[in-house]
Amino acid sequence: MKTLVWVEHDGSTVKDATLAVVTAASQLGEVHLLVAGQGMDGVAAEAAKIAGVGKVHVADDAAYAHALAENVAPLIAGLMADHDAFLAPATTNGKNIAPRVAALLDVMQISDILSV
């Protein structure tokens, strides 16, 4: 099973909430990350060093600079053909993006998972 995890970051470093999601995703199988933003070389390099990560997808574009769900959700939905599950941190941005991804894929979202 391949799981896609959206990486929350501050533009220069991966946020700790993402690490918790990667830990959970690793229990499901292969973990792929999506780093989206502008000027993402440093964040992508840091993300690639996270234990258990098999692949890092990078979307480096001004459209993703502020993690607007309206822009990020279609990007994620487009990557889901090659993945079985999508996980995001239970943060403000994650809770804004995840339901939009679910709607685009016409699937049900499960929120605030405490264990896998």
PDB file of N, CA and C in Angstrom:
ATOM      1  N   MET A   1       0.841  -1.176   0.000  1.00  0.00           N
ATOM      2  CA  MET A   1       0.000   0.000   0.000  1.00  0.00           C
ATOM      3  C   MET A   1       0.888   1.240   0.000  1.00  0.00           C
ATOM      4  N   LYS A   2       0.586   2.182  -0.903  1.00  0.00           N
ATOM      5  CA  LYS A   2       1.335   3.433  -0.981  1.00  0.00           C
ATOM      6  C   LYS A   2       0.490   4.566  -0.407  1.00  0.00           C
ATOM      7  N   THR A   3       1.081   5.299   0.520  1.00  0.00           N
ATOM      8  CA  THR A   3       0.397   6.417   1.154  1.00  0.00           C
ATOM      9  C   THR A   3       1.099   7.713   0.799  1.00  0.00           C
ATOM     10  N   LEU A   4       0.322   8.710   0.387  1.00  0.00           N
ATOM     11  CA  LEU A   4       0.843  10.040   0.094  1.00  0.00           C
ATOM     12  C   LEU A   4       0.607  10.922   1.308  1.00  0.00           C
ATOM     13  N   VAL A   5       1.660  11.574   1.778  1.00  0.00           N
ATOM     14  CA  VAL A   5       1.578  12.479   2.927  1.00  0.00           C
ATOM     15  C   VAL A   5       1.910  13.885   2.458  1.00  0.00           C
ATOM     16  N   TRP A   6       1.009  14.831   2.747  1.00  0.00           N
ATOM     17  CA  TRP A   6       1.274  16.239   2.449  1.00  0.00           C
ATOM     18  C   TRP A   6       2.189  16.785   3.536  1.00  0.00           C
ATOM     19  N   VAL A   7       3.297  17.381   3.124  1.00  0.00           N
ATOM     20  CA  VAL A   7       4.290  17.913   4.054  1.00  0.00           C
ATOM     21  C   VAL A   7       3.941  19.347   4.415  1.00  0.00           C
ATOM     22  N   GLU A   8       3.673  19.567   5.695  1.00  0.00           N
ATOM     23  CA  GLU A   8       3.470  20.936   6.167  1.00  0.00           C
ATOM     24  C   GLU A   8       4.837  21.505   6.525  1.00  0.00           C
ATOM     25  N   HIS A   9       5.079  22.737   6.099  1.00  0.00           N
ATOM     26  CA  HIS A   9       6.380  23.375   6.308  1.00  0.00           C
ATOM     27  C   HIS A   9       6.180  24.874   6.481  1.00  0.00           C
ATOM     28  N   ASP A  10       7.243  25.550   6.885  1.00  0.00           N
ATOM     29  CA  ASP A  10       7.183  27.004   7.047  1.00  0.00           C
ATOM     30  C   ASP A  10       7.936  27.727   5.932  1.00  0.00           C
ATOM     31  N   GLY A  11       8.218  27.015   4.868  1.00  0.00           N
ATOM     32  CA  GLY A  11       8.956  27.594   3.750  1.00  0.00           C
ATOM     33  C   GLY A  11      10.436  27.252   3.780  1.00  0.00           C
ATOM     34  N   SER A  12      10.919  26.832   4.954  1.00  0.00           N
ATOM     35  CA  SER A  12      12.330  26.467   5.046  1.00  0.00           C
ATOM     36  C   SER A  12      12.563  25.146   5.775  1.00  0.00           C
ATOM     37  N   THR A  13      11.642  24.751   6.659  1.00  0.00           N
ATOM     38  CA  THR A  13      11.801  23.484   7.376  1.00  0.00           C
ATOM     39  C   THR A  13      10.470  22.738   7.463  1.00  0.00           C
ATOM     40  N   VAL A  14      10.576  21.431   7.594  1.00  0.00           N
ATOM     41  CA  VAL A  14       9.403  20.572   7.762  1.00  0.00           C
ATOM     42  C   VAL A  14       8.886  20.741   9.189  1.00  0.00           C
ATOM     43  N   LYS A  15       7.575  20.912   9.327  1.00  0.00           N
ATOM     44  CA  LYS A  15       6.986  21.063  10.663  1.00  0.00           C
ATOM     45  C   LYS A  15       6.871  19.700  11.350  1.00  0.00           C
ATOM     46  N   ASP A  16       6.980  19.717  12.670  1.00  0.00           N
ATOM     47  CA  ASP A  16       6.950  18.481  13.458  1.00  0.00           C
ATOM     48  C   ASP A  16       5.686  17.662  13.240  1.00  0.00           C
ATOM     49  N   ALA A  17       4.565  18.317  12.980  1.00  0.00           N
ATOM     50  CA  ALA A  17       3.306  17.591  12.768  1.00  0.00           C
ATOM     51  C   ALA A  17       3.428  16.608  11.609  1.00  0.00           C
ATOM     52  N   THR A  18       4.227  16.952  10.618  1.00  0.00           N
ATOM     53  CA  THR A  18       4.433  16.062   9.474  1.00  0.00           C
ATOM     54  C   THR A  18       5.140  14.780   9.897  1.00  0.00           C
ATOM     55  N   LEU A  19       6.069  14.887  10.819  1.00  0.00           N
ATOM     56  CA  LEU A  19       6.817  13.708  11.269  1.00  0.00           C
ATOM     57  C   LEU A  19       5.897  12.689  11.929  1.00  0.00           C
ATOM     58  N   ALA A  20       4.928  13.170  12.689  1.00  0.00           N
ATOM     59  CA  ALA A  20       3.963  12.262  13.319  1.00  0.00           C
ATOM     60  C   ALA A  20       3.123  11.547  12.271  1.00  0.00           C
ATOM     61  N   VAL A  21       2.763  12.264  11.217  1.00  0.00           N
ATOM     62  CA  VAL A  21       1.968  11.660  10.142  1.00  0.00           C
ATOM     63  C   VAL A  21       2.788  10.609   9.399  1.00  0.00           C
ATOM     64  N   VAL A  22       4.047  10.886   9.158  1.00  0.00           N
ATOM     65  CA  VAL A  22       4.916   9.913   8.484  1.00  0.00           C
ATOM     66  C   VAL A  22       5.042   8.644   9.328  1.00  0.00           C
ATOM     67  N   THR A  23       5.152   8.797  10.629  1.00  0.00           N
ATOM     68  CA  THR A  23       5.221   7.630  11.516  1.00  0.00           C
ATOM     69  C   THR A  23       3.969   6.774  11.372  1.00  0.00           C
ATOM     70  N   ALA A  24       2.809   7.409  11.357  1.00  0.00           N
ATOM     71  CA  ALA A  24       1.547   6.672  11.187  1.00  0.00           C
ATOM     72  C   ALA A  24       1.474   6.036   9.806  1.00  0.00           C
ATOM     73  N   ALA A  25       1.845   6.788   8.773  1.00  0.00           N
ATOM     74  CA  ALA A  25       1.776   6.285   7.401  1.00  0.00           C
ATOM     75  C   ALA A  25       2.689   5.085   7.199  1.00  0.00           C
ATOM     76  N   SER A  26       3.819   5.065   7.879  1.00  0.00           N
ATOM     77  CA  SER A  26       4.764   3.952   7.705  1.00  0.00           C
ATOM     78  C   SER A  26       4.168   2.629   8.181  1.00  0.00           C
ATOM     79  N   GLN A  27       3.170   2.689   9.035  1.00  0.00           N
ATOM     80  CA  GLN A  27       2.503   1.469   9.489  1.00  0.00           C
ATOM     81  C   GLN A  27       1.572   0.901   8.420  1.00  0.00           C
ATOM     82  N   LEU A  28       1.246   1.720   7.424  1.00  0.00           N
ATOM     83  CA  LEU A  28       0.368   1.282   6.343  1.00  0.00           C
ATOM     84  C   LEU A  28       1.138   0.683   5.174  1.00  0.00           C
ATOM     85  N   GLY A  29       2.422   1.024   5.045  1.00  0.00           N
ATOM     86  CA  GLY A  29       3.218   0.540   3.921  1.00  0.00           C
ATOM     87  C   GLY A  29       4.167   1.614   3.426  1.00  0.00           C
ATOM     88  N   GLU A  30       4.346   1.674   2.122  1.00  0.00           N
ATOM     89  CA  GLU A  30       5.277   2.614   1.504  1.00  0.00           C
ATOM     90  C   GLU A  30       4.782   4.049   1.672  1.00  0.00           C
ATOM     91  N   VAL A  31       5.705   4.946   2.035  1.00  0.00           N
ATOM     92  CA  VAL A  31       5.354   6.345   2.279  1.00  0.00           C
ATOM     93  C   VAL A  31       5.972   7.232   1.207  1.00  0.00           C
ATOM     94  N   HIS A  32       5.121   8.029   0.564  1.00  0.00           N
ATOM     95  CA  HIS A  32       5.564   9.061  -0.366  1.00  0.00           C
ATOM     96  C   HIS A  32       5.159  10.404   0.215  1.00  0.00           C
ATOM     97  N   LEU A  33       5.986  11.415   0.021  1.00  0.00           N
ATOM     98  CA  LEU A  33       5.692  12.753   0.519  1.00  0.00           C
ATOM     99  C   LEU A  33       5.434  13.703  -0.633  1.00  0.00           C
ATOM    100  N   LEU A  34       4.610  14.710  -0.373  1.00  0.00           N
ATOM    101  CA  LEU A  34       4.410  15.805  -1.318  1.00  0.00           C
ATOM    102  C   LEU A  34       4.846  17.093  -0.646  1.00  0.00           C
ATOM    103  N   VAL A  35       5.865  17.714  -1.218  1.00  0.00           N
ATOM    104  CA  VAL A  35       6.327  19.027  -0.779  1.00  0.00           C
ATOM    105  C   VAL A  35       5.840  20.017  -1.825  1.00  0.00           C
ATOM    106  N   ALA A  36       4.965  20.928  -1.413  1.00  0.00           N
ATOM    107  CA  ALA A  36       4.417  21.923  -2.337  1.00  0.00           C
ATOM    108  C   ALA A  36       4.672  23.313  -1.779  1.00  0.00           C
ATOM    109  N   GLY A  37       5.124  24.202  -2.642  1.00  0.00           N
ATOM    110  CA  GLY A  37       5.402  25.570  -2.233  1.00  0.00           C
ATOM    111  C   GLY A  37       6.276  26.246  -3.266  1.00  0.00           C
ATOM    112  N   GLN A  38       6.921  27.322  -2.864  1.00  0.00           N
ATOM    113  CA  GLN A  38       7.822  28.039  -3.759  1.00  0.00           C
ATOM    114  C   GLN A  38       9.215  28.046  -3.133  1.00  0.00           C
ATOM    115  N   GLY A  39      10.230  27.711  -3.922  1.00  0.00           N
ATOM    116  CA  GLY A  39      11.592  27.630  -3.413  1.00  0.00           C
ATOM    117  C   GLY A  39      11.760  26.465  -2.457  1.00  0.00           C
ATOM    118  N   MET A  40      11.387  25.293  -2.904  1.00  0.00           N
ATOM    119  CA  MET A  40      11.273  24.125  -2.029  1.00  0.00           C
ATOM    120  C   MET A  40      12.497  23.220  -1.971  1.00  0.00           C
ATOM    121  N   ASP A  41      13.618  23.628  -2.528  1.00  0.00           N
ATOM    122  CA  ASP A  41      14.801  22.759  -2.541  1.00  0.00           C
ATOM    123  C   ASP A  41      15.212  22.316  -1.141  1.00  0.00           C
ATOM    124  N   GLY A  42      15.297  23.248  -0.209  1.00  0.00           N
ATOM    125  CA  GLY A  42      15.710  22.923   1.156  1.00  0.00           C
ATOM    126  C   GLY A  42      14.715  22.036   1.876  1.00  0.00           C
ATOM    127  N   VAL A  43      13.428  22.347   1.738  1.00  0.00           N
ATOM    128  CA  VAL A  43      12.384  21.547   2.386  1.00  0.00           C
ATOM    129  C   VAL A  43      12.365  20.142   1.796  1.00  0.00           C
ATOM    130  N   ALA A  44      12.493  20.052   0.477  1.00  0.00           N
ATOM    131  CA  ALA A  44      12.491  18.740  -0.180  1.00  0.00           C
ATOM    132  C   ALA A  44      13.687  17.903   0.271  1.00  0.00           C
ATOM    133  N   ALA A  45      14.847  18.531   0.403  1.00  0.00           N
ATOM    134  CA  ALA A  45      16.038  17.808   0.857  1.00  0.00           C
ATOM    135  C   ALA A  45      15.851  17.308   2.286  1.00  0.00           C
ATOM    136  N   GLU A  46      15.273  18.146   3.148  1.00  0.00           N
ATOM    137  CA  GLU A  46      15.011  17.729   4.530  1.00  0.00           C
ATOM    138  C   GLU A  46      13.987  16.593   4.566  1.00  0.00           C
ATOM    139  N   ALA A  47      12.943  16.716   3.760  1.00  0.00           N
ATOM    140  CA  ALA A  47      11.889  15.693   3.724  1.00  0.00           C
ATOM    141  C   ALA A  47      12.443  14.347   3.271  1.00  0.00           C
ATOM    142  N   ALA A  48      13.371  14.372   2.329  1.00  0.00           N
ATOM    143  CA  ALA A  48      13.953  13.131   1.809  1.00  0.00           C
ATOM    144  C   ALA A  48      14.753  12.380   2.870  1.00  0.00           C
ATOM    145  N   LYS A  49      15.174  13.074   3.916  1.00  0.00           N
ATOM    146  CA  LYS A  49      15.967  12.453   4.984  1.00  0.00           C
ATOM    147  C   LYS A  49      15.106  11.852   6.094  1.00  0.00           C
ATOM    148  N   ILE A  50      13.789  12.037   6.032  1.00  0.00           N
ATOM    149  CA  ILE A  50      12.906  11.500   7.068  1.00  0.00           C
ATOM    150  C   ILE A  50      12.887   9.977   6.957  1.00  0.00           C
ATOM    151  N   ALA A  51      13.093   9.321   8.071  1.00  0.00           N
ATOM    152  CA  ALA A  51      13.128   7.853   8.098  1.00  0.00           C
ATOM    153  C   ALA A  51      11.823   7.265   7.588  1.00  0.00           C
ATOM    154  N   GLY A  52      11.943   6.268   6.718  1.00  0.00           N
ATOM    155  CA  GLY A  52      10.776   5.555   6.216  1.00  0.00           C
ATOM    156  C   GLY A  52      10.175   6.106   4.945  1.00  0.00           C
ATOM    157  N   VAL A  53      10.722   7.188   4.427  1.00  0.00           N
ATOM    158  CA  VAL A  53      10.174   7.810   3.215  1.00  0.00           C
ATOM    159  C   VAL A  53      10.780   7.164   1.978  1.00  0.00           C
ATOM    160  N   GLY A  54       9.903   6.712   1.069  1.00  0.00           N
ATOM    161  CA  GLY A  54      10.356   6.065  -0.148  1.00  0.00           C
ATOM    162  C   GLY A  54      10.536   7.009  -1.315  1.00  0.00           C
ATOM    163  N   LYS A  55       9.739   8.086  -1.357  1.00  0.00           N
ATOM    164  CA  LYS A  55       9.784   9.001  -2.495  1.00  0.00           C
ATOM    165  C   LYS A  55       9.267  10.362  -2.056  1.00  0.00           C
ATOM    166  N   VAL A  56       9.847  11.416  -2.635  1.00  0.00           N
ATOM    167  CA  VAL A  56       9.382  12.779  -2.366  1.00  0.00           C
ATOM    168  C   VAL A  56       8.969  13.416  -3.682  1.00  0.00           C
ATOM    169  N   HIS A  57       7.696  13.779  -3.783  1.00  0.00           N
ATOM    170  CA  HIS A  57       7.186  14.531  -4.929  1.00  0.00           C
ATOM    171  C   HIS A  57       7.335  16.012  -4.586  1.00  0.00           C
ATOM    172  N   VAL A  58       7.821  16.807  -5.525  1.00  0.00           N
ATOM    173  CA  VAL A  58       8.009  18.235  -5.275  1.00  0.00           C
ATOM    174  C   VAL A  58       7.220  19.031  -6.302  1.00  0.00           C
ATOM    175  N   ALA A  59       6.388  19.944  -5.808  1.00  0.00           N
ATOM    176  CA  ALA A  59       5.653  20.879  -6.660  1.00  0.00           C
ATOM    177  C   ALA A  59       6.133  22.270  -6.266  1.00  0.00           C
ATOM    178  N   ASP A  60       7.069  22.800  -7.039  1.00  0.00           N
ATOM    179  CA  ASP A  60       7.688  24.085  -6.729  1.00  0.00           C
ATOM    180  C   ASP A  60       7.111  25.137  -7.668  1.00  0.00           C
ATOM    181  N   ASP A  61       6.159  25.902  -7.148  1.00  0.00           N
ATOM    182  CA  ASP A  61       5.463  26.884  -7.976  1.00  0.00           C
ATOM    183  C   ASP A  61       4.863  27.957  -7.074  1.00  0.00           C
ATOM    184  N   ALA A  62       4.787  29.164  -7.564  1.00  0.00           N
ATOM    185  CA  ALA A  62       4.209  30.269  -6.790  1.00  0.00           C
ATOM    186  C   ALA A  62       2.764  29.992  -6.389  1.00  0.00           C
ATOM    187  N   ALA A  63       2.055  29.189  -7.157  1.00  0.00           N
ATOM    188  CA  ALA A  63       0.653  28.872  -6.848  1.00  0.00           C
ATOM    189  C   ALA A  63       0.517  28.135  -5.520  1.00  0.00           C
ATOM    190  N   TYR A  64       1.580  27.475  -5.074  1.00  0.00           N
ATOM    191  CA  TYR A  64       1.534  26.691  -3.839  1.00  0.00           C
ATOM    192  C   TYR A  64       2.244  27.388  -2.675  1.00  0.00           C
ATOM    193  N   ALA A  65       2.678  28.625  -2.885  1.00  0.00           N
ATOM    194  CA  ALA A  65       3.502  29.337  -1.905  1.00  0.00           C
ATOM    195  C   ALA A  65       2.844  29.501  -0.545  1.00  0.00           C
ATOM    196  N   HIS A  66       1.541  29.662  -0.497  1.00  0.00           N
ATOM    197  CA  HIS A  66       0.860  29.919   0.777  1.00  0.00           C
ATOM    198  C   HIS A  66      -0.019  28.759   1.220  1.00  0.00           C
ATOM    199  N   ALA A  67       0.176  27.593   0.638  1.00  0.00           N
ATOM    200  CA  ALA A  67      -0.576  26.377   0.988  1.00  0.00           C
ATOM    201  C   ALA A  67      -2.079  26.590   0.906  1.00  0.00           C
ATOM    202  N   LEU A  68      -2.525  27.347  -0.087  1.00  0.00           N
ATOM    203  CA  LEU A  68      -3.965  27.552  -0.259  1.00  0.00           C
ATOM    204  C   LEU A  68      -4.608  26.243  -0.697  1.00  0.00           C
ATOM    205  N   ALA A  69      -5.607  25.825   0.042  1.00  0.00           N
ATOM    206  CA  ALA A  69      -6.273  24.550  -0.237  1.00  0.00           C
ATOM    207  C   ALA A  69      -6.841  24.506  -1.648  1.00  0.00           C
ATOM    208  N   GLU A  70      -7.297  25.643  -2.130  1.00  0.00           N
ATOM    209  CA  GLU A  70      -7.876  25.706  -3.473  1.00  0.00           C
ATOM    210  C   GLU A  70      -6.862  25.322  -4.543  1.00  0.00           C
ATOM    211  N   ASN A  71      -5.586  25.539  -4.276  1.00  0.00           N
ATOM    212  CA  ASN A  71      -4.533  25.191  -5.234  1.00  0.00           C
ATOM    213  C   ASN A  71      -3.905  23.828  -4.939  1.00  0.00           C
ATOM    214  N   VAL A  72      -3.712  23.528  -3.664  1.00  0.00           N
ATOM    215  CA  VAL A  72      -3.013  22.303  -3.274  1.00  0.00           C
ATOM    216  C   VAL A  72      -3.882  21.058  -3.442  1.00  0.00           C
ATOM    217  N   ALA A  73      -5.169  21.157  -3.136  1.00  0.00           N
ATOM    218  CA  ALA A  73      -6.050  19.976  -3.203  1.00  0.00           C
ATOM    219  C   ALA A  73      -6.094  19.341  -4.598  1.00  0.00           C
ATOM    220  N   PRO A  74      -6.251  20.116  -5.673  1.00  0.00           N
ATOM    221  CA  PRO A  74      -6.241  19.480  -7.003  1.00  0.00           C
ATOM    222  C   PRO A  74      -4.898  18.817  -7.337  1.00  0.00           C
ATOM    223  N   LEU A  75      -3.823  19.393  -6.852  1.00  0.00           N
ATOM    224  CA  LEU A  75      -2.500  18.794  -7.046  1.00  0.00           C
ATOM    225  C   LEU A  75      -2.446  17.416  -6.387  1.00  0.00           C
ATOM    226  N   ILE A  76      -2.910  17.345  -5.150  1.00  0.00           N
ATOM    227  CA  ILE A  76      -2.920  16.073  -4.418  1.00  0.00           C
ATOM    228  C   ILE A  76      -3.839  15.068  -5.105  1.00  0.00           C
ATOM    229  N   ALA A  77      -5.028  15.518  -5.463  1.00  0.00           N
ATOM    230  CA  ALA A  77      -5.989  14.622  -6.125  1.00  0.00           C
ATOM    231  C   ALA A  77      -5.391  14.035  -7.402  1.00  0.00           C
ATOM    232  N   GLY A  78      -4.623  14.826  -8.115  1.00  0.00           N
ATOM    233  CA  GLY A  78      -3.980  14.351  -9.335  1.00  0.00           C
ATOM    234  C   GLY A  78      -2.927  13.281  -9.093  1.00  0.00           C
ATOM    235  N   LEU A  79      -2.326  13.283  -7.913  1.00  0.00           N
ATOM    236  CA  LEU A  79      -1.309  12.280  -7.575  1.00  0.00           C
ATOM    237  C   LEU A  79      -1.902  10.996  -7.015  1.00  0.00           C
ATOM    238  N   MET A  80      -3.173  11.006  -6.685  1.00  0.00           N
ATOM    239  CA  MET A  80      -3.775   9.864  -5.999  1.00  0.00           C
ATOM    240  C   MET A  80      -3.988   8.634  -6.884  1.00  0.00           C
ATOM    241  N   ALA A  81      -3.883   8.774  -8.184  1.00  0.00           N
ATOM    242  CA  ALA A  81      -4.012   7.604  -9.059  1.00  0.00           C
ATOM    243  C   ALA A  81      -2.927   6.573  -8.748  1.00  0.00           C
ATOM    244  N   ASP A  82      -1.784   7.038  -8.232  1.00  0.00           N
ATOM    245  CA  ASP A  82      -0.664   6.151  -7.920  1.00  0.00           C
ATOM    246  C   ASP A  82      -0.536   5.840  -6.430  1.00  0.00           C
ATOM    247  N   HIS A  83      -1.529   6.249  -5.633  1.00  0.00           N
ATOM    248  CA  HIS A  83      -1.471   6.045  -4.182  1.00  0.00           C
ATOM    249  C   HIS A  83      -2.788   5.469  -3.679  1.00  0.00           C
ATOM    250  N   ASP A  84      -2.714   4.767  -2.563  1.00  0.00           N
ATOM    251  CA  ASP A  84      -3.899   4.131  -1.980  1.00  0.00           C
ATOM    252  C   ASP A  84      -4.541   4.951  -0.877  1.00  0.00           C
ATOM    253  N   ALA A  85      -3.769   5.822  -0.236  1.00  0.00           N
ATOM    254  CA  ALA A  85      -4.295   6.632   0.863  1.00  0.00           C
ATOM    255  C   ALA A  85      -3.580   7.973   0.884  1.00  0.00           C
ATOM    256  N   PHE A  86      -4.254   8.959   1.464  1.00  0.00           N
ATOM    257  CA  PHE A  86      -3.685  10.295   1.634  1.00  0.00           C
ATOM    258  C   PHE A  86      -3.799  10.682   3.098  1.00  0.00           C
ATOM    259  N   LEU A  87      -2.702  11.174   3.663  1.00  0.00           N
ATOM    260  CA  LEU A  87      -2.698  11.643   5.045  1.00  0.00           C
ATOM    261  C   LEU A  87      -2.128  13.054   5.108  1.00  0.00           C
ATOM    262  N   ALA A  88      -2.666  13.842   6.037  1.00  0.00           N
ATOM    263  CA  ALA A  88      -2.183  15.201   6.274  1.00  0.00           C
ATOM    264  C   ALA A  88      -2.182  15.452   7.772  1.00  0.00           C
ATOM    265  N   PRO A  89      -1.319  16.339   8.235  1.00  0.00           N
ATOM    266  CA  PRO A  89      -1.323  16.674   9.662  1.00  0.00           C
ATOM    267  C   PRO A  89      -2.673  17.262  10.081  1.00  0.00           C
ATOM    268  N   ALA A  90      -3.037  17.052  11.343  1.00  0.00           N
ATOM    269  CA  ALA A  90      -4.294  17.596  11.877  1.00  0.00           C
ATOM    270  C   ALA A  90      -4.061  19.031  12.342  1.00  0.00           C
ATOM    271  N   THR A  91      -3.665  19.860  11.381  1.00  0.00           N
ATOM    272  CA  THR A  91      -3.404  21.279  11.623  1.00  0.00           C
ATOM    273  C   THR A  91      -4.451  22.088  10.869  1.00  0.00           C
ATOM    274  N   THR A  92      -4.416  23.388  11.026  1.00  0.00           N
ATOM    275  CA  THR A  92      -5.366  24.238  10.306  1.00  0.00           C
ATOM    276  C   THR A  92      -5.271  24.005   8.806  1.00  0.00           C
ATOM    277  N   ASN A  93      -4.059  23.998   8.267  1.00  0.00           N
ATOM    278  CA  ASN A  93      -3.895  23.780   6.826  1.00  0.00           C
ATOM    279  C   ASN A  93      -4.305  22.374   6.416  1.00  0.00           C
ATOM    280  N   GLY A  94      -3.898  21.384   7.193  1.00  0.00           N
ATOM    281  CA  GLY A  94      -4.268  20.004   6.877  1.00  0.00           C
ATOM    282  C   GLY A  94      -5.771  19.799   6.888  1.00  0.00           C
ATOM    283  N   LYS A  95      -6.436  20.415   7.858  1.00  0.00           N
ATOM    284  CA  LYS A  95      -7.893  20.280   7.965  1.00  0.00           C
ATOM    285  C   LYS A  95      -8.628  21.101   6.911  1.00  0.00           C
ATOM    286  N   ASN A  96      -7.936  22.003   6.263  1.00  0.00           N
ATOM    287  CA  ASN A  96      -8.514  22.761   5.159  1.00  0.00           C
ATOM    288  C   ASN A  96      -8.324  22.009   3.838  1.00  0.00           C
ATOM    289  N   ILE A  97      -7.183  21.376   3.679  1.00  0.00           N
ATOM    290  CA  ILE A  97      -6.858  20.681   2.434  1.00  0.00           C
ATOM    291  C   ILE A  97      -7.554  19.324   2.324  1.00  0.00           C
ATOM    292  N   ALA A  98      -7.516  18.524   3.378  1.00  0.00           N
ATOM    293  CA  ALA A  98      -8.013  17.141   3.320  1.00  0.00           C
ATOM    294  C   ALA A  98      -9.463  17.005   2.846  1.00  0.00           C
ATOM    295  N   PRO A  99     -10.411  17.809   3.349  1.00  0.00           N
ATOM    296  CA  PRO A  99     -11.786  17.631   2.869  1.00  0.00           C
ATOM    297  C   PRO A  99     -11.952  17.991   1.393  1.00  0.00           C
ATOM    298  N   ARG A 100     -11.147  18.915   0.929  1.00  0.00           N
ATOM    299  CA  ARG A 100     -11.211  19.284  -0.492  1.00  0.00           C
ATOM    300  C   ARG A 100     -10.683  18.145  -1.360  1.00  0.00           C
ATOM    301  N   VAL A 101      -9.623  17.498  -0.893  1.00  0.00           N
ATOM    302  CA  VAL A 101      -9.097  16.334  -1.615  1.00  0.00           C
ATOM    303  C   VAL A 101     -10.158  15.239  -1.650  1.00  0.00           C
ATOM    304  N   ALA A 102     -10.776  14.979  -0.513  1.00  0.00           N
ATOM    305  CA  ALA A 102     -11.820  13.947  -0.439  1.00  0.00           C
ATOM    306  C   ALA A 102     -12.960  14.260  -1.397  1.00  0.00           C
ATOM    307  N   ALA A 103     -13.376  15.514  -1.450  1.00  0.00           N
ATOM    308  CA  ALA A 103     -14.470  15.902  -2.348  1.00  0.00           C
ATOM    309  C   ALA A 103     -14.073  15.710  -3.809  1.00  0.00           C
ATOM    310  N   LEU A 104     -12.854  16.095  -4.156  1.00  0.00           N
ATOM    311  CA  LEU A 104     -12.392  15.930  -5.540  1.00  0.00           C
ATOM    312  C   LEU A 104     -12.316  14.462  -5.943  1.00  0.00           C
ATOM    313  N   LEU A 105     -12.008  13.599  -4.982  1.00  0.00           N
ATOM    314  CA  LEU A 105     -11.897  12.163  -5.263  1.00  0.00           C
ATOM    315  C   LEU A 105     -13.208  11.422  -5.038  1.00  0.00           C
ATOM    316  N   ASP A 106     -14.211  12.129  -4.534  1.00  0.00           N
ATOM    317  CA  ASP A 106     -15.516  11.551  -4.212  1.00  0.00           C
ATOM    318  C   ASP A 106     -15.379  10.373  -3.247  1.00  0.00           C
ATOM    319  N   VAL A 107     -14.631  10.619  -2.179  1.00  0.00           N
ATOM    320  CA  VAL A 107     -14.447   9.623  -1.119  1.00  0.00           C
ATOM    321  C   VAL A 107     -14.735  10.278   0.229  1.00  0.00           C
ATOM    322  N   MET A 108     -14.893   9.438   1.241  1.00  0.00           N
ATOM    323  CA  MET A 108     -15.143   9.947   2.576  1.00  0.00           C
ATOM    324  C   MET A 108     -13.825  10.211   3.296  1.00  0.00           C
ATOM    325  N   GLN A 109     -13.779  11.302   4.027  1.00  0.00           N
ATOM    326  CA  GLN A 109     -12.599  11.650   4.811  1.00  0.00           C
ATOM    327  C   GLN A 109     -12.754  11.126   6.234  1.00  0.00           C
ATOM    328  N   ILE A 110     -11.665  10.653   6.798  1.00  0.00           N
ATOM    329  CA  ILE A 110     -11.634  10.273   8.210  1.00  0.00           C
ATOM    330  C   ILE A 110     -10.672  11.241   8.892  1.00  0.00           C
ATOM    331  N   SER A 111     -11.161  11.953   9.906  1.00  0.00           N
ATOM    332  CA  SER A 111     -10.369  13.004  10.544  1.00  0.00           C
ATOM    333  C   SER A 111      -9.846  12.603  11.914  1.00  0.00           C
ATOM    334  N   ASP A 112      -8.774  13.268  12.310  1.00  0.00           N
ATOM    335  CA  ASP A 112      -8.224  13.179  13.666  1.00  0.00           C
ATOM    336  C   ASP A 112      -7.995  11.750  14.142  1.00  0.00           C
ATOM    337  N   ILE A 113      -7.277  10.989  13.351  1.00  0.00           N
ATOM    338  CA  ILE A 113      -6.957   9.604  13.702  1.00  0.00           C
ATOM    339  C   ILE A 113      -5.891   9.609  14.800  1.00  0.00           C
ATOM    340  N   LEU A 114      -6.117   8.856  15.844  1.00  0.00           N
ATOM    341  CA  LEU A 114      -5.188   8.818  16.974  1.00  0.00           C
ATOM    342  C   LEU A 114      -4.208   7.655  16.911  1.00  0.00           C
ATOM    343  N   SER A 115      -4.579   6.584  16.203  1.00  0.00           N
ATOM    344  CA  SER A 115      -3.649   5.465  16.044  1.00  0.00           C
ATOM    345  C   SER A 115      -4.007   4.680  14.791  1.00  0.00           C
ATOM    346  N   VAL A 116      -3.005   3.957  14.279  1.00  0.00           N
ATOM    347  CA  VAL A 116      -3.196   3.155  13.070  1.00  0.00           C
ATOM    348  C   VAL A 116      -3.061   1.698  13.443  1.00  0.00           C
TER     349      VAL A 116
END
